[in-house]
Structures are given as C-alpha cells and as structure tokens.
C-alpha atoms as a PDB file:
ATOM      1  CA  MET A   1     -12.094  23.586   8.740  1.00  0.00           C
ATOM      2  CA  THR A   2     -13.205  25.826   5.889  1.00  0.00           C
ATOM      3  CA  ARG A   3     -11.629  25.663   2.458  1.00  0.00           C
ATOM      4  CA  SER A   4     -10.633  28.293  -0.085  1.00  0.00           C
ATOM      5  CA  SER A   5     -10.697  28.043  -3.834  1.00  0.00           C
ATOM      6  CA  PRO A   6      -7.643  27.213  -5.961  1.00  0.00           C
ATOM      7  CA  GLY A   7      -5.620  30.317  -6.736  1.00  0.00           C
ATOM      8  CA  SER A   8      -6.818  32.156  -3.628  1.00  0.00           C
ATOM      9  CA  PHE A   9      -4.804  34.962  -2.042  1.00  0.00           C
ATOM     10  CA  ALA A  10      -3.476  32.694   0.725  1.00  0.00           C
ATOM     11  CA  VAL A  11      -2.408  29.958  -1.695  1.00  0.00           C
ATOM     12  CA  THR A  12      -0.692  32.402  -4.060  1.00  0.00           C
ATOM     13  CA  LEU A  13       1.129  34.184  -1.229  1.00  0.00           C
ATOM     14  CA  ASP A  14       2.203  30.922   0.411  1.00  0.00           C
ATOM     15  CA  ALA A  15       3.608  29.578  -2.859  1.00  0.00           C
ATOM     16  CA  ALA A  16       5.395  32.854  -3.628  1.00  0.00           C
ATOM     17  CA  ILE A  17       7.053  32.931  -0.197  1.00  0.00           C
ATOM     18  CA  ASP A  18       8.135  29.308  -0.555  1.00  0.00           C
ATOM     19  CA  GLU A  19       9.655  29.972  -3.974  1.00  0.00           C
ATOM     20  CA  SER A  20      11.421  33.155  -2.819  1.00  0.00           C
ATOM     21  CA  GLY A  21      13.273  31.327  -0.049  1.00  0.00           C
ATOM     22  CA  LEU A  22      12.769  34.342   2.225  1.00  0.00           C
ATOM     23  CA  SER A  23      11.824  33.946   5.857  1.00  0.00           C
ATOM     24  CA  LEU A  24       9.042  36.082   7.277  1.00  0.00           C
ATOM     25  CA  ASP A  25      11.655  38.069   9.197  1.00  0.00           C
ATOM     26  CA  ARG A  26      13.502  38.851   5.961  1.00  0.00           C
ATOM     27  CA  LEU A  27      10.250  39.862   4.286  1.00  0.00           C
ATOM     28  CA  GLN A  28       9.618  42.220   7.188  1.00  0.00           C
ATOM     29  CA  HIS A  29      13.104  43.687   6.691  1.00  0.00           C
ATOM     30  CA  HIS A  30      12.583  44.266   2.961  1.00  0.00           C
ATOM     31  CA  LEU A  31       9.211  45.899   3.566  1.00  0.00           C
ATOM     32  CA  ALA A  32      10.650  48.114   6.317  1.00  0.00           C
ATOM     33  CA  ALA A  33      13.325  49.313   3.875  1.00  0.00           C
ATOM     34  CA  ARG A  34      10.435  50.544   1.713  1.00  0.00           C
ATOM     35  CA  GLY A  35       8.840  52.341   4.649  1.00  0.00           C
ATOM     36  CA  VAL A  36       6.181  49.675   5.169  1.00  0.00           C
ATOM     37  CA  ARG A  37       5.721  48.330   8.677  1.00  0.00           C
ATOM     38  CA  LEU A  38       3.968  44.981   8.855  1.00  0.00           C
ATOM     39  CA  SER A  39       4.000  42.502  11.725  1.00  0.00           C
ATOM     40  CA  ARG A  40       5.369  39.011  11.303  1.00  0.00           C
ATOM     41  CA  SER A  41       2.122  37.595  12.680  1.00  0.00           C
ATOM     42  CA  ALA A  42       0.128  39.401   9.966  1.00  0.00           C
ATOM     43  CA  LEU A  43       2.325  37.843   7.258  1.00  0.00           C
ATOM     44  CA  SER A  44       1.933  34.443   8.886  1.00  0.00           C
ATOM     45  CA  TYR A  45      -1.842  34.779   9.152  1.00  0.00           C
ATOM     46  CA  TRP A  46      -2.155  35.905   5.530  1.00  0.00           C
ATOM     47  CA  ARG A  47      -0.138  33.007   4.106  1.00  0.00           C
ATOM     48  CA  ARG A  48      -2.030  30.468   6.236  1.00  0.00           C
ATOM     49  CA  GLY A  49      -5.430  31.912   5.357  1.00  0.00           C
ATOM     50  CA  ARG A  50      -6.327  32.870   8.899  1.00  0.00           C
ATOM     51  CA  SER A  51      -6.996  36.444   7.798  1.00  0.00           C
ATOM     52  CA  GLN A  52      -6.575  38.645   4.739  1.00  0.00           C
ATOM     53  CA  PRO A  53      -5.618  42.300   4.223  1.00  0.00           C
ATOM     54  CA  GLU A  54      -8.545  44.705   4.196  1.00  0.00           C
ATOM     55  CA  ARG A  55      -7.424  48.071   5.578  1.00  0.00           C
ATOM     56  CA  GLU A  56      -5.889  50.714   3.325  1.00  0.00           C
ATOM     57  CA  LYS A  57      -2.448  50.395   4.930  1.00  0.00           C
ATOM     58  CA  SER A  58      -2.547  46.644   4.439  1.00  0.00           C
ATOM     59  CA  MET A  59      -3.430  47.040   0.782  1.00  0.00           C
ATOM     60  CA  VAL A  60      -0.448  49.341   0.307  1.00  0.00           C
ATOM     61  CA  ALA A  61       1.738  46.704   1.989  1.00  0.00           C
ATOM     62  CA  ILE A  62       0.473  44.077  -0.462  1.00  0.00           C
ATOM     63  CA  THR A  63       1.568  46.078  -3.496  1.00  0.00           C
ATOM     64  CA  HIS A  64       5.077  46.326  -2.018  1.00  0.00           C
ATOM     65  CA  LEU A  65       4.984  42.644  -1.107  1.00  0.00           C
ATOM     66  CA  GLU A  66       4.286  41.768  -4.743  1.00  0.00           C
ATOM     67  CA  SER A  67       7.427  43.646  -5.744  1.00  0.00           C
ATOM     68  CA  VAL A  68       9.610  42.092  -3.019  1.00  0.00           C
ATOM     69  CA  LEU A  69       8.478  38.599  -4.026  1.00  0.00           C
ATOM     70  CA  GLY A  70       9.078  39.283  -7.719  1.00  0.00           C
ATOM     71  CA  LEU A  71       5.405  38.974  -8.645  1.00  0.00           C
ATOM     72  CA  GLU A  72       3.580  40.904 -11.336  1.00  0.00           C
ATOM     73  CA  ALA A  73       1.563  43.878 -10.170  1.00  0.00           C
ATOM     74  CA  GLY A  74      -1.854  42.675  -9.062  1.00  0.00           C
ATOM     75  CA  ALA A  75      -0.779  39.037  -8.633  1.00  0.00           C
ATOM     76  CA  LEU A  76      -1.882  39.152  -4.993  1.00  0.00           C
ATOM     77  CA  THR A  77      -4.416  41.978  -4.883  1.00  0.00           C
ATOM     78  CA  SER A  78      -6.436  40.451  -7.726  1.00  0.00           C
ATOM     79  CA  ARG A  79      -6.961  37.294  -5.643  1.00  0.00           C
ATOM     80  CA  LEU A  80      -8.448  39.002  -2.624  1.00  0.00           C
ATOM     81  CA  GLY A  81     -12.051  37.968  -2.136  1.00  0.00           C
ATOM     82  CA  PRO A  82     -14.765  38.872   0.344  1.00  0.00           C
ATOM     83  CA  LYS A  83     -13.997  38.467   3.984  1.00  0.00           C
ATOM     84  CA  ALA A  84     -14.074  34.780   4.873  1.00  0.00           C
ATOM     85  CA  PRO A  85     -14.678  32.975   8.159  1.00  0.00           C
ATOM     86  CA  ARG A  86     -11.626  32.733  10.344  1.00  0.00           C
ATOM     87  CA  GLY A  87      -9.938  29.424  10.999  1.00  0.00           C
ATOM     88  CA  ARG A  88      -6.613  27.654  10.784  1.00  0.00           C
ATOM     89  CA  TRP A  89      -6.905  27.756   6.989  1.00  0.00           C
ATOM     90  CA  LEU A  90      -9.240  29.733   4.810  1.00  0.00           C
ATOM     91  CA  GLY A  91      -9.191  26.370   3.164  1.00  0.00           C
ATOM     92  CA  GLU A  92      -7.779  24.210   0.505  1.00  0.00           C
ATOM     93  CA  PRO A  93      -4.560  25.186  -1.253  1.00  0.00           C
ATOM     94  CA  ALA A  94      -4.408  24.788  -5.023  1.00  0.00           C
ATOM     95  CA  ASP A  95      -5.997  21.591  -6.297  1.00  0.00           C
ATOM     96  CA  ARG A  96      -2.640  20.574  -7.762  1.00  0.00           C
ATOM     97  CA  ILE A  97       1.061  21.271  -7.361  1.00  0.00           C
ATOM     98  CA  GLU A  98       3.422  20.965 -10.284  1.00  0.00           C
ATOM     99  CA  ARG A  99       5.516  17.815 -10.066  1.00  0.00           C
ATOM    100  CA  ARG A 100       8.745  19.758 -10.532  1.00  0.00           C
ATOM    101  CA  ARG A 101       8.014  21.775  -7.393  1.00  0.00           C
ATOM    102  CA  LEU A 102       7.729  18.698  -5.186  1.00  0.00           C
ATOM    103  CA  TRP A 103      10.420  16.685  -7.001  1.00  0.00           C
ATOM    104  CA  PRO A 104      13.054  19.213  -8.145  1.00  0.00           C
ATOM    105  CA  GLU A 105      15.755  16.517  -8.363  1.00  0.00           C
ATOM    106  CA  LEU A 106      13.640  14.554 -10.842  1.00  0.00           C
ATOM    107  CA  ARG A 107      14.886  16.752 -13.679  1.00  0.00           C
ATOM    108  CA  THR A 108      18.187  14.810 -13.668  1.00  0.00           C
ATOM    109  CA  LEU A 109      16.292  11.606 -14.518  1.00  0.00           C
ATOM    110  CA  SER A 110      13.388  12.888 -16.616  1.00  0.00           C
ATOM    111  CA  GLY A 111      15.370  12.959 -19.839  1.00  0.00           C
ATOM    112  CA  GLU A 112      15.717   9.185 -19.807  1.00  0.00           C
ATOM    113  CA  LEU A 113      12.370   8.204 -18.315  1.00  0.00           C
ATOM    114  CA  LYS A 114      10.211  10.860 -19.981  1.00  0.00           C
ATOM    115  CA  PRO A 115       7.421  10.631 -17.370  1.00  0.00           C
ATOM    116  CA  PRO A 116       3.879  11.005 -18.737  1.00  0.00           C
ATOM    117  CA  PRO A 117       1.969  14.181 -17.821  1.00  0.00           C
ATOM    118  CA  ASP A 118       0.958  14.228 -14.197  1.00  0.00           C
ATOM    119  CA  GLY A 119      -2.773  13.716 -13.663  1.00  0.00           C
ATOM    120  CA  GLN A 120      -3.325  10.809 -16.056  1.00  0.00           C
ATOM    121  CA  LEU A 121      -4.152   8.771 -12.955  1.00  0.00           C
ATOM    122  CA  SER A 122      -6.243   9.866 -10.003  1.00  0.00           C
ATOM    123  CA  PHE A 123      -5.668   7.942  -6.794  1.00  0.00           C
ATOM    124  CA  TRP A 124      -8.446   6.514  -4.678  1.00  0.00           C
ATOM    125  CA  SER A 125      -6.058   5.494  -1.918  1.00  0.00           C
ATOM    126  CA  ILE A 126      -2.359   5.130  -1.106  1.00  0.00           C
ATOM    127  CA  HIS A 127      -0.980   2.955   1.662  1.00  0.00           C
ATOM    128  CA  ASP A 128       2.687   3.174   2.708  1.00  0.00           C
ATOM    129  CA  ARG A 129       4.415   0.912   5.187  1.00  0.00           C
ATOM    130  CA  VAL A 130       7.930   1.899   6.199  1.00  0.00           C
ATOM    131  CA  SER A 131      10.099  -0.595   8.094  1.00  0.00           C
ATOM    132  CA  LEU A 132      13.137   0.426  10.128  1.00  0.00           C
ATOM    133  CA  ASP A 133      15.944  -1.784  11.402  1.00  0.00           C
ATOM    134  CA  GLU A 134      17.375  -2.012  14.918  1.00  0.00           C
ATOM    135  CA  GLN A 135      19.487   1.131  14.357  1.00  0.00           C
ATOM    136  CA  GLY A 136      16.518   3.168  13.161  1.00  0.00           C
ATOM    137  CA  CYS A 137      17.627   3.084   9.516  1.00  0.00           C
ATOM    138  CA  GLU A 138      15.132   2.740   6.693  1.00  0.00           C
ATOM    139  CA  ARG A 139      15.034  -0.883   5.570  1.00  0.00           C
ATOM    140  CA  SER A 140      12.071  -1.108   3.203  1.00  0.00           C
ATOM    141  CA  LEU A 141       9.018   0.692   1.875  1.00  0.00           C
ATOM    142  CA  GLN A 142       5.899  -1.243   0.872  1.00  0.00           C
ATOM    143  CA  VAL A 143       3.315   0.636  -1.187  1.00  0.00           C
ATOM    144  CA  ARG A 144      -0.228  -0.200  -2.290  1.00  0.00           C
ATOM    145  CA  MET A 145      -2.026   2.207  -4.627  1.00  0.00           C
ATOM    146  CA  VAL A 146      -5.558   2.165  -6.019  1.00  0.00           C
ATOM    147  CA  ALA A 147      -5.774   4.407  -9.075  1.00  0.00           C
ATOM    148  CA  GLU A 148      -8.309   5.373 -11.733  1.00  0.00           C
ATOM    149  CA  ALA A 149      -7.418   6.365 -15.284  1.00  0.00           C
ATOM    150  CA  ALA A 150      -8.389   9.957 -16.037  1.00  0.00           C
ATOM    151  CA  VAL A 151      -7.779   9.481 -19.770  1.00  0.00           C
ATOM    152  CA  ASP A 152      -7.783   6.579 -22.227  1.00  0.00           C
ATOM    153  CA  GLY A 153      -4.641   4.573 -22.864  1.00  0.00           C
ATOM    154  CA  VAL A 154      -2.814   4.827 -19.525  1.00  0.00           C
ATOM    155  CA  ASP A 155      -0.260   1.995 -19.587  1.00  0.00           C
ATOM    156  CA  ARG A 156       2.288   2.904 -16.919  1.00  0.00           C
ATOM    157  CA  MET A 157       2.653   4.441 -13.494  1.00  0.00           C
ATOM    158  CA  MET A 158       5.639   6.400 -12.211  1.00  0.00           C
ATOM    159  CA  THR A 159       6.976   6.027  -8.673  1.00  0.00           C
ATOM    160  CA  TYR A 160       9.369   8.412  -6.943  1.00  0.00           C
ATOM    161  CA  TYR A 161      11.445   8.310  -3.792  1.00  0.00           C
ATOM    162  CA  GLN A 162      13.784  10.946  -2.362  1.00  0.00           C
ATOM    163  CA  ALA A 163      16.325  10.178   0.362  1.00  0.00           C
ATOM    164  CA  ASP A 164      17.492  12.922   2.704  1.00  0.00           C
ATOM    165  CA  GLY A 165      21.053  12.607   1.433  1.00  0.00           C
ATOM    166  CA  PRO A 166      23.326  10.662  -0.932  1.00  0.00           C
ATOM    167  CA  LEU A 167      22.719   6.933  -1.273  1.00  0.00           C
ATOM    168  CA  THR A 168      25.490   4.475  -0.446  1.00  0.00           C
ATOM    169  CA  ALA A 169      24.133   2.050  -3.069  1.00  0.00           C
ATOM    170  CA  GLU A 170      21.125   1.777  -5.338  1.00  0.00           C
ATOM    171  CA  PRO A 171      17.768   0.761  -3.810  1.00  0.00           C
ATOM    172  CA  SER A 172      15.981  -2.151  -5.468  1.00  0.00           C
ATOM    173  CA  TYR A 173      12.341  -2.795  -6.367  1.00  0.00           C
ATOM    174  CA  ARG A 174      10.932  -6.114  -5.176  1.00  0.00           C
ATOM    175  CA  TYR A 175       7.597  -7.898  -5.118  1.00  0.00           C
ATOM    176  CA  VAL A 176       5.944  -5.814  -7.828  1.00  0.00           C
ATOM    177  CA  ARG A 177       2.349  -7.060  -8.136  1.00  0.00           C
ATOM    178  CA  PHE A 178      -0.350  -6.403 -10.743  1.00  0.00           C
ATOM    179  CA  ALA A 179       2.260  -4.642 -12.901  1.00  0.00           C
ATOM    180  CA  ARG A 180       5.746  -5.197 -14.310  1.00  0.00           C
ATOM    181  CA  LEU A 181       8.846  -3.269 -13.382  1.00  0.00           C
ATOM    182  CA  GLY A 182      10.056  -1.105 -16.235  1.00  0.00           C
ATOM    183  CA  ARG A 183      12.979   1.291 -16.277  1.00  0.00           C
ATOM    184  CA  VAL A 184      14.555   2.371 -12.980  1.00  0.00           C
ATOM    185  CA  ARG A 185      16.917   5.317 -12.637  1.00  0.00           C
ATOM    186  CA  THR A 186      18.834   6.462  -9.568  1.00  0.00           C
ATOM    187  CA  ASP A 187      20.816   9.599  -8.854  1.00  0.00           C
ATOM    188  CA  ARG A 188      22.869   8.499  -5.857  1.00  0.00           C
ATOM    189  CA  GLY A 189      24.280  11.970  -5.288  1.00  0.00           C
ATOM    190  CA  SER A 190      20.873  13.568  -4.718  1.00  0.00           C
ATOM    191  CA  GLY A 191      19.224  10.420  -3.312  1.00  0.00           C
ATOM    192  CA  MET A 192      16.572  10.475  -6.058  1.00  0.00           C
ATOM    193  CA  LEU A 193      14.993   7.221  -7.252  1.00  0.00           C
ATOM    194  CA  ALA A 194      12.440   6.963 -10.070  1.00  0.00           C
ATOM    195  CA  GLY A 195      10.817   3.743 -11.235  1.00  0.00           C
ATOM    196  CA  GLU A 196       8.402   2.870 -13.994  1.00  0.00           C
ATOM    197  CA  LEU A 197       5.630   0.307 -13.408  1.00  0.00           C
ATOM    198  CA  LEU A 198       4.109  -1.131 -16.582  1.00  0.00           C
ATOM    199  CA  LEU A 199       0.431  -1.963 -16.149  1.00  0.00           C
ATOM    200  CA  ASP A 200      -1.072  -5.287 -17.262  1.00  0.00           C
ATOM    201  CA  HIS A 201      -2.982  -3.506 -20.026  1.00  0.00           C
ATOM    202  CA  ALA A 202      -3.749   0.006 -21.189  1.00  0.00           C
ATOM    203  CA  LEU A 203      -6.527   1.430 -19.043  1.00  0.00           C
ATOM    204  CA  ALA A 204      -9.637   3.056 -20.459  1.00  0.00           C
ATOM    205  CA  ARG A 205     -10.824   6.272 -18.873  1.00  0.00           C
ATOM    206  CA  GLY A 206     -12.568   5.476 -15.585  1.00  0.00           C
ATOM    207  CA  GLU A 207     -10.949   2.037 -15.257  1.00  0.00           C
ATOM    208  CA  VAL A 208      -9.427   1.248 -11.879  1.00  0.00           C
ATOM    209  CA  THR A 209      -6.230  -0.661 -11.131  1.00  0.00           C
ATOM    210  CA  VAL A 210      -4.358  -1.759  -8.015  1.00  0.00           C
ATOM    211  CA  VAL A 211      -0.552  -1.834  -7.893  1.00  0.00           C
ATOM    212  CA  GLU A 212       1.734  -3.020  -5.108  1.00  0.00           C
ATOM    213  CA  TYR A 213       5.504  -2.906  -4.780  1.00  0.00           C
ATOM    214  CA  GLU A 214       8.351  -2.849  -2.296  1.00  0.00           C
ATOM    215  CA  ILE A 215      11.616  -0.895  -2.306  1.00  0.00           C
ATOM    216  CA  ARG A 216      14.586  -2.253  -0.359  1.00  0.00           C
ATOM    217  CA  PHE A 217      17.164   0.293   0.769  1.00  0.00           C
ATOM    218  CA  PRO A 218      20.931   0.042   1.218  1.00  0.00           C
ATOM    219  CA  PRO A 219      22.452   0.628   4.679  1.00  0.00           C
ATOM    220  CA  GLY A 220      22.280   4.237   5.766  1.00  0.00           C
ATOM    221  CA  SER A 221      21.844   6.548   8.731  1.00  0.00           C
ATOM    222  CA  ALA A 222      19.007   6.566  11.240  1.00  0.00           C
ATOM    223  CA  ILE A 223      16.034   8.625  10.077  1.00  0.00           C
ATOM    224  CA  ASP A 224      13.598  10.708  12.106  1.00  0.00           C
ATOM    225  CA  HIS A 225      10.719  11.142   9.649  1.00  0.00           C
ATOM    226  CA  TYR A 226       8.919   9.802   6.608  1.00  0.00           C
ATOM    227  CA  HIS A 227       6.614  11.708   4.275  1.00  0.00           C
ATOM    228  CA  ARG A 228       4.789  11.435   0.973  1.00  0.00           C
ATOM    229  CA  ARG A 229       4.500  14.247  -1.552  1.00  0.00           C
ATOM    230  CA  PHE A 230       1.086  14.748  -3.171  1.00  0.00           C
ATOM    231  CA  THR A 231       0.686  16.654  -6.424  1.00  0.00           C
ATOM    232  CA  ARG A 232      -3.079  15.960  -6.482  1.00  0.00           C
ATOM    233  CA  CYS A 233      -5.815  15.388  -3.907  1.00  0.00           C
ATOM    234  CA  VAL A 234      -6.160  11.826  -2.596  1.00  0.00           C
ATOM    235  CA  PRO A 235      -9.303  10.651  -0.749  1.00  0.00           C
ATOM    236  CA  GLU A 236      -7.418   8.283   1.578  1.00  0.00           C
ATOM    237  CA  TYR A 237      -3.822   7.985   2.731  1.00  0.00           C
ATOM    238  CA  VAL A 238      -2.466   5.574   5.339  1.00  0.00           C
ATOM    239  CA  CYS A 239       1.146   5.565   6.486  1.00  0.00           C
ATOM    240  CA  GLN A 240       2.427   2.945   8.911  1.00  0.00           C
ATOM    241  CA  VAL A 241       5.920   3.184  10.356  1.00  0.00           C
ATOM    242  CA  HIS A 242       7.166  -0.135  11.718  1.00  0.00           C
ATOM    243  CA  PHE A 243       9.936   0.525  14.199  1.00  0.00           C
ATOM    244  CA  GLY A 244      12.379  -2.232  15.052  1.00  0.00           C
ATOM    245  CA  PRO A 245      13.518  -2.907  18.608  1.00  0.00           C
ATOM    246  CA  ARG A 246      14.435   0.760  18.918  1.00  0.00           C
ATOM    247  CA  VAL A 247      11.246   2.680  19.712  1.00  0.00           C
ATOM    248  CA  PRO A 248      11.225   6.508  19.570  1.00  0.00           C
ATOM    249  CA  ARG A 249      10.291   8.661  22.537  1.00  0.00           C
ATOM    250  CA  SER A 250       7.494  10.359  20.606  1.00  0.00           C
ATOM    251  CA  VAL A 251       5.871  10.359  17.165  1.00  0.00           C
ATOM    252  CA  ARG A 252       3.776  13.129  15.625  1.00  0.00           C
ATOM    253  CA  SER A 253       2.137  13.781  12.254  1.00  0.00           C
ATOM    254  CA  TYR A 254       2.984  16.908  10.287  1.00  0.00           C
ATOM    255  CA  GLU A 255       2.068  18.783   7.119  1.00  0.00           C
ATOM    256  CA  GLN A 256       3.913  21.068   4.706  1.00  0.00           C
ATOM    257  CA  ARG A 257       2.453  22.958   1.775  1.00  0.00           C
ATOM    258  CA  GLY A 258       5.714  22.742  -0.161  1.00  0.00           C
ATOM    259  CA  LEU A 259       9.377  21.814   0.063  1.00  0.00           C
ATOM    260  CA  GLY A 260      11.254  24.157   2.351  1.00  0.00           C
ATOM    261  CA  GLY A 261       8.011  25.536   3.736  1.00  0.00           C
ATOM    262  CA  PRO A 262       7.129  25.586   7.440  1.00  0.00           C
ATOM    263  CA  GLU A 263       6.009  22.374   9.081  1.00  0.00           C
ATOM    264  CA  HIS A 264       2.558  22.448  10.637  1.00  0.00           C
ATOM    265  CA  PRO A 265       2.588  19.895  13.485  1.00  0.00           C
ATOM    266  CA  GLY A 266      -0.369  17.548  13.769  1.00  0.00           C
ATOM    267  CA  SER A 267      -1.553  15.035  16.322  1.00  0.00           C
ATOM    268  CA  PRO A 268       0.657  12.712  18.379  1.00  0.00           C
ATOM    269  CA  LEU A 269       0.734   9.143  17.068  1.00  0.00           C
ATOM    270  CA  ALA A 270       0.751   6.178  19.427  1.00  0.00           C
ATOM    271  CA  VAL A 271       3.254   3.340  19.048  1.00  0.00           C
ATOM    272  CA  GLY A 272       1.615   0.068  20.034  1.00  0.00           C
ATOM    273  CA  ALA A 273       2.974  -3.207  21.306  1.00  0.00           C
ATOM    274  CA  THR A 274       3.856  -4.196  17.733  1.00  0.00           C
ATOM    275  CA  HIS A 275       6.049  -1.073  17.448  1.00  0.00           C
ATOM    276  CA  ILE A 276       3.880   0.405  14.680  1.00  0.00           C
ATOM    277  CA  ALA A 277       2.663   4.011  14.433  1.00  0.00           C
ATOM    278  CA  THR A 278      -0.249   4.650  12.056  1.00  0.00           C
ATOM    279  CA  LEU A 279      -1.138   7.894  10.319  1.00  0.00           C
ATOM    280  CA  ALA A 280      -4.541   7.706   8.581  1.00  0.00           C
ATOM    281  CA  LEU A 281      -5.906  10.670   6.628  1.00  0.00           C
ATOM    282  CA  ARG A 282      -8.935  11.469   4.497  1.00  0.00           C
ATOM    283  CA  ASP A 283      -9.193  14.048   1.710  1.00  0.00           C
ATOM    284  CA  VAL A 284      -5.476  14.761   1.566  1.00  0.00           C
ATOM    285  CA  ARG A 285      -4.690  18.049  -0.126  1.00  0.00           C
ATOM    286  CA  PRO A 286      -1.698  18.652  -2.407  1.00  0.00           C
ATOM    287  CA  GLY A 287       1.487  19.086  -0.425  1.00  0.00           C
ATOM    288  CA  ILE A 288       3.470  16.957   1.990  1.00  0.00           C
ATOM    289  CA  ARG A 289       2.092  14.745   4.758  1.00  0.00           C
ATOM    290  CA  GLY A 290       4.085  12.511   7.025  1.00  0.00           C
ATOM    291  CA  ALA A 291       5.203  11.426  10.468  1.00  0.00           C
ATOM    292  CA  GLY A 292       8.251  12.561  12.429  1.00  0.00           C
ATOM    293  CA  TRP A 293       9.729  11.172  15.623  1.00  0.00           C
ATOM    294  CA  GLU A 294      12.327  11.808  18.317  1.00  0.00           C
ATOM    295  CA  TRP A 295      14.710   9.080  19.382  1.00  0.00           C
END
C-alpha cells in the first residue's frame, strides 16, 4: 500500500466532500447542472487516491468541483502532483485531523474542561477492551495507553467517549491507574463523555507514561460496533470485543477517514471459544478504526 503526503489532492478532496455532506450522486448532479459530466466512479477513485485527474476535461471538472464544494479557486488543482502508482490509496491521509472534526459534540464541554492543545502527547500504543452483557449492550470499556510527552510540562491526559445516542445515566470512571481522575463532564443528550486524567508528575519532553482506566456504562440498547477516533498516527492499536453469551453471526473490521464518511470494510474477525474478537493494527493513520458485527 503506497502512501501520499499530507495535504495531497486525495486527502483534500476527501475532507471537502465529508464536510459538504454531499453524496457522490449529488455531486454528480451539481456538476451536470454546470454542463460537466463526470462518472461517480471517477469521483470515488479521486477521493480514495486510486487515480487523479490528468486529462483536460478532468481538469475543467476539478475547477467546477472546487466551486460546488465551496473551496477557494486552486484548492484542489494546486495539490495535484505527478502521476502516482495505482492502489487502494495513493497513501496516507493528513498526518493529523483536528479534534473538533472527530469530536464535534466536545464543544459543549470544552468551556469547562479547557482541554490542552492536541498533540502534546504522542501515543506508542492504545489497547481497548470492550465488554458486552448478555443482551449485547455495552457494559464496560478498559483502556491502556502508552504515551510520550512531545513538549515539557505535560501534566494531564484527556479521554473522550461518544455514545451512539442519549445516555440513560452518567457513565463512571473506575480503576484509574498510574494517574488520578480529575474533572469529568457528561452531556447525556448527545452521549458525550469527557474525562481528565491527572498524571503522577509533569512529564519532560520525551518522557513516557502508562495510564490505565475503566469506564462503566449505564443500561442501554444493544450495539453493533465499536470504534476509536484517532487525531494523530499511532504505531499500535489493539481492540478486543468481549461478547457475553450472545455471540454475533459475523464480525468485521472497518475504517473511516472522518465522521459521516464512507466505511471501508476490512477483514473478518474470528470470535474464539472465549467469545472475544481481536482487532490488531500497526501504523494507524488519523481517522476512525473499529469493529462491527451482525447479530
């Protein structure tokens, strides 16, 4: 799998389509109204990095596409590079995604918590273990993170969780290790939970820490997926879903470049005799990675 540079044509187009909320069919419609005929597959290939516009007609289509997507003139054409090898991706999306794009509901809680700038910590590894009850409802989430300070004086770590819908009660943090629980804020209407973990001491740049915690959830509805949102690259991510007596018919990994964007299905995941499915990834790019299942 080849990789493109941050800010590439594919990355910029993909982000612009996500933010516009337009489907590829609607983009086709808007372009057709301007007298530009472009296939849906071409749009899909461009945003995924499988190809890029090169012919004169395609370049004309790009200038109209910039206008339809509300971009400045040249926002896309200026990012076209030399022809690259074909593949599922031209490569890596941007090396970071703004926190507000992956956690839009966080703005309701940020005023109280005042999260530090994203990127003060770089993560060596993240390990999630999700446990479901006999009805398939989320019961708990155990997290272990190994992080390195990117600047001097890092003294806290923020944790975020987003439910699919309103919460019936507030989740609770338990078993916090190698840190102390600070402020916790919940927006039950949006299902957003934000917690502050206070480190044992302020880290110097390059110093590494390990933090573990568990979140217990109130009763809810059965879920059919779990994912983590990454604003930065992470060398290693492991997600284990521990099903209760109720085992799904199938489990599969998936990837999204952004909220509301298309899901790119991954490999099937086996559920063993212990009713655990494991997703293990290396060099995780910014975006969303997780596991989904069918009951």
